[in-house]
Amino acid sequence: MSDLPNDTFGAAPGSDPFAAAKASALKAAEELRAAAAAKAEEFRSVAENQAQHFKEAAGEKAAEFKDYAGKAWDGARTQAKDFTAEAEKFAREKPLQALLTAFGVGFVLGAIFKR
């Protein structure tokens, strides 16, 4: 220990104890500010990483949906072409039945949409 006694704030006798407390509080506030800035930077970094991962995952899912929609569209287009070919074949083979069927379907749809 030294020959000069110190008060509770580490100041020499005869100096202002409030100045020492103020200096100590300012130092603590600066340390707290620095710690808060470091933590904010850490949170920002984590948020950026999570956003990047989310963006990548969303891009992958979008590509999957696009592929699925393309396959579904191709399948529907093929079925529509097949149905059209069958309807043409049926109309050429049995024109009277095709005409009566078309009339019946038109009549039923007209009745439904009239309501």
C-alpha atoms as a PDB file:
ATOM      1  CA  MET A   1       0.000   0.000   0.000  1.00  0.00           C
ATOM      2  CA  SER A   2       1.109   3.563  -0.516  1.00  0.00           C
ATOM      3  CA  ASP A   3       1.786   6.141   2.163  1.00  0.00           C
ATOM      4  CA  LEU A   4      -1.009   8.382   0.883  1.00  0.00           C
ATOM      5  CA  PRO A   5      -4.495   7.191   1.848  1.00  0.00           C
ATOM      6  CA  ASN A   6      -7.074   6.953  -0.978  1.00  0.00           C
ATOM      7  CA  ASP A   7     -10.785   7.531  -0.597  1.00  0.00           C
ATOM      8  CA  THR A   8     -13.434   5.093  -1.877  1.00  0.00           C
ATOM      9  CA  PHE A   9     -13.206   6.282  -5.513  1.00  0.00           C
ATOM     10  CA  GLY A  10      -9.445   6.018  -5.789  1.00  0.00           C
ATOM     11  CA  ALA A  11      -8.861   9.770  -5.644  1.00  0.00           C
ATOM     12  CA  ALA A  12      -6.085  11.346  -3.609  1.00  0.00           C
ATOM     13  CA  PRO A  13      -7.062  13.153  -0.419  1.00  0.00           C
ATOM     14  CA  GLY A  14      -8.064  16.703  -0.980  1.00  0.00           C
ATOM     15  CA  SER A  15      -9.338  16.098  -4.514  1.00  0.00           C
ATOM     16  CA  ASP A  16     -13.021  16.305  -5.390  1.00  0.00           C
ATOM     17  CA  PRO A  17     -14.671  12.875  -4.832  1.00  0.00           C
ATOM     18  CA  PHE A  18     -17.516  13.833  -7.217  1.00  0.00           C
ATOM     19  CA  ALA A  19     -15.052  14.396 -10.048  1.00  0.00           C
ATOM     20  CA  ALA A  20     -13.677  10.908  -9.506  1.00  0.00           C
ATOM     21  CA  ALA A  21     -17.212   9.455  -9.468  1.00  0.00           C
ATOM     22  CA  LYS A  22     -18.060  11.398 -12.616  1.00  0.00           C
ATOM     23  CA  ALA A  23     -14.943  10.120 -14.359  1.00  0.00           C
ATOM     24  CA  SER A  24     -15.750   6.580 -13.268  1.00  0.00           C
ATOM     25  CA  ALA A  25     -19.357   6.919 -14.513  1.00  0.00           C
ATOM     26  CA  LEU A  26     -18.177   8.361 -17.841  1.00  0.00           C
ATOM     27  CA  LYS A  27     -15.741   5.489 -18.257  1.00  0.00           C
ATOM     28  CA  ALA A  28     -18.482   2.954 -17.455  1.00  0.00           C
ATOM     29  CA  ALA A  29     -20.873   4.673 -19.874  1.00  0.00           C
ATOM     30  CA  GLU A  30     -18.236   4.573 -22.643  1.00  0.00           C
ATOM     31  CA  GLU A  31     -17.593   0.880 -21.989  1.00  0.00           C
ATOM     32  CA  LEU A  32     -21.339   0.211 -22.058  1.00  0.00           C
ATOM     33  CA  ARG A  33     -21.687   2.181 -25.312  1.00  0.00           C
ATOM     34  CA  ALA A  34     -18.826   0.197 -26.872  1.00  0.00           C
ATOM     35  CA  ALA A  35     -20.345  -3.096 -25.705  1.00  0.00           C
ATOM     36  CA  ALA A  36     -23.764  -2.092 -27.067  1.00  0.00           C
ATOM     37  CA  ALA A  37     -22.228  -1.135 -30.418  1.00  0.00           C
ATOM     38  CA  ALA A  38     -20.408  -4.471 -30.583  1.00  0.00           C
ATOM     39  CA  LYS A  39     -23.593  -6.370 -29.753  1.00  0.00           C
ATOM     40  CA  ALA A  40     -25.564  -4.375 -32.340  1.00  0.00           C
ATOM     41  CA  GLU A  41     -22.933  -5.210 -34.970  1.00  0.00           C
ATOM     42  CA  GLU A  42     -23.153  -8.879 -33.973  1.00  0.00           C
ATOM     43  CA  PHE A  43     -26.963  -8.830 -34.304  1.00  0.00           C
ATOM     44  CA  ARG A  44     -26.704  -7.082 -37.685  1.00  0.00           C
ATOM     45  CA  SER A  45     -24.231  -9.678 -38.917  1.00  0.00           C
ATOM     46  CA  VAL A  46     -26.434 -12.557 -37.770  1.00  0.00           C
ATOM     47  CA  ALA A  47     -29.500 -10.937 -39.352  1.00  0.00           C
ATOM     48  CA  GLU A  48     -27.659 -10.480 -42.655  1.00  0.00           C
ATOM     49  CA  ASN A  49     -26.567 -14.125 -42.621  1.00  0.00           C
ATOM     50  CA  GLN A  50     -30.105 -15.299 -41.876  1.00  0.00           C
ATOM     51  CA  ALA A  51     -31.512 -13.091 -44.626  1.00  0.00           C
ATOM     52  CA  GLN A  52     -28.977 -14.517 -47.097  1.00  0.00           C
ATOM     53  CA  HIS A  53     -29.899 -18.091 -46.116  1.00  0.00           C
ATOM     54  CA  PHE A  54     -33.595 -17.257 -46.455  1.00  0.00           C
ATOM     55  CA  LYS A  55     -32.997 -15.694 -49.870  1.00  0.00           C
ATOM     56  CA  GLU A  56     -31.130 -18.789 -51.071  1.00  0.00           C
ATOM     57  CA  ALA A  57     -33.812 -21.147 -49.745  1.00  0.00           C
ATOM     58  CA  ALA A  58     -36.563 -19.053 -51.355  1.00  0.00           C
ATOM     59  CA  GLY A  59     -34.698 -19.116 -54.662  1.00  0.00           C
ATOM     60  CA  GLU A  60     -34.393 -22.891 -54.508  1.00  0.00           C
ATOM     61  CA  LYS A  61     -38.105 -23.288 -53.732  1.00  0.00           C
ATOM     62  CA  ALA A  62     -39.015 -20.898 -56.544  1.00  0.00           C
ATOM     63  CA  ALA A  63     -36.955 -22.984 -58.964  1.00  0.00           C
ATOM     64  CA  GLU A  64     -38.700 -26.147 -57.747  1.00  0.00           C
ATOM     65  CA  PHE A  65     -42.145 -24.568 -58.192  1.00  0.00           C
ATOM     66  CA  LYS A  66     -41.198 -23.284 -61.638  1.00  0.00           C
ATOM     67  CA  ASP A  67     -40.057 -26.763 -62.672  1.00  0.00           C
ATOM     68  CA  TYR A  68     -43.241 -28.346 -61.279  1.00  0.00           C
ATOM     69  CA  ALA A  69     -45.440 -25.756 -63.010  1.00  0.00           C
ATOM     70  CA  GLY A  70     -43.612 -26.326 -66.295  1.00  0.00           C
ATOM     71  CA  LYS A  71     -44.155 -30.072 -66.065  1.00  0.00           C
ATOM     72  CA  ALA A  72     -47.834 -29.590 -65.145  1.00  0.00           C
ATOM     73  CA  TRP A  73     -48.293 -27.173 -68.062  1.00  0.00           C
ATOM     74  CA  ASP A  74     -46.684 -29.624 -70.493  1.00  0.00           C
ATOM     75  CA  GLY A  75     -48.902 -32.424 -69.186  1.00  0.00           C
ATOM     76  CA  ALA A  76     -52.051 -30.316 -69.494  1.00  0.00           C
ATOM     77  CA  ARG A  77     -51.113 -29.224 -73.005  1.00  0.00           C
ATOM     78  CA  THR A  78     -50.508 -32.845 -74.042  1.00  0.00           C
ATOM     79  CA  GLN A  79     -53.854 -33.925 -72.568  1.00  0.00           C
ATOM     80  CA  ALA A  80     -55.640 -31.074 -74.352  1.00  0.00           C
ATOM     81  CA  LYS A  81     -54.076 -32.083 -77.679  1.00  0.00           C
ATOM     82  CA  ASP A  82     -55.035 -35.726 -77.089  1.00  0.00           C
ATOM     83  CA  PHE A  83     -58.593 -34.750 -76.163  1.00  0.00           C
ATOM     84  CA  THR A  84     -58.883 -32.543 -79.251  1.00  0.00           C
ATOM     85  CA  ALA A  85     -57.613 -35.348 -81.488  1.00  0.00           C
ATOM     86  CA  GLU A  86     -60.087 -37.802 -79.939  1.00  0.00           C
ATOM     87  CA  ALA A  87     -62.972 -35.345 -80.322  1.00  0.00           C
ATOM     88  CA  GLU A  88     -62.101 -34.796 -84.001  1.00  0.00           C
ATOM     89  CA  LYS A  89     -61.848 -38.553 -84.561  1.00  0.00           C
ATOM     90  CA  PHE A  90     -65.214 -39.114 -82.852  1.00  0.00           C
ATOM     91  CA  ALA A  91     -66.836 -36.308 -84.860  1.00  0.00           C
ATOM     92  CA  ARG A  92     -65.579 -37.811 -88.145  1.00  0.00           C
ATOM     93  CA  GLU A  93     -66.632 -41.340 -87.267  1.00  0.00           C
ATOM     94  CA  LYS A  94     -70.050 -40.480 -85.782  1.00  0.00           C
ATOM     95  CA  PRO A  95     -71.087 -36.989 -86.899  1.00  0.00           C
ATOM     96  CA  LEU A  96     -74.757 -37.267 -85.829  1.00  0.00           C
ATOM     97  CA  GLN A  97     -73.868 -38.433 -82.302  1.00  0.00           C
ATOM     98  CA  ALA A  98     -71.247 -35.680 -82.016  1.00  0.00           C
ATOM     99  CA  LEU A  99     -73.750 -33.048 -83.110  1.00  0.00           C
ATOM    100  CA  LEU A 100     -76.419 -34.270 -80.665  1.00  0.00           C
ATOM    101  CA  THR A 101     -73.845 -34.457 -77.846  1.00  0.00           C
ATOM    102  CA  ALA A 102     -72.658 -30.905 -78.532  1.00  0.00           C
ATOM    103  CA  PHE A 103     -76.275 -29.691 -78.618  1.00  0.00           C
ATOM    104  CA  GLY A 104     -77.028 -31.435 -75.304  1.00  0.00           C
ATOM    105  CA  VAL A 105     -73.961 -30.063 -73.593  1.00  0.00           C
ATOM    106  CA  GLY A 106     -74.710 -26.554 -74.887  1.00  0.00           C
ATOM    107  CA  PHE A 107     -78.317 -26.800 -73.716  1.00  0.00           C
ATOM    108  CA  VAL A 108     -77.306 -27.928 -70.211  1.00  0.00           C
ATOM    109  CA  LEU A 109     -74.614 -25.237 -69.884  1.00  0.00           C
ATOM    110  CA  GLY A 110     -77.045 -22.596 -71.147  1.00  0.00           C
ATOM    111  CA  ALA A 111     -79.589 -23.645 -68.523  1.00  0.00           C
ATOM    112  CA  ILE A 112     -76.974 -23.560 -65.775  1.00  0.00           C
ATOM    113  CA  PHE A 113     -75.593 -20.131 -66.693  1.00  0.00           C
ATOM    114  CA  LYS A 114     -79.080 -18.671 -67.212  1.00  0.00           C
ATOM    115  CA  ARG A 115     -79.788 -19.016 -63.514  1.00  0.00           C
END
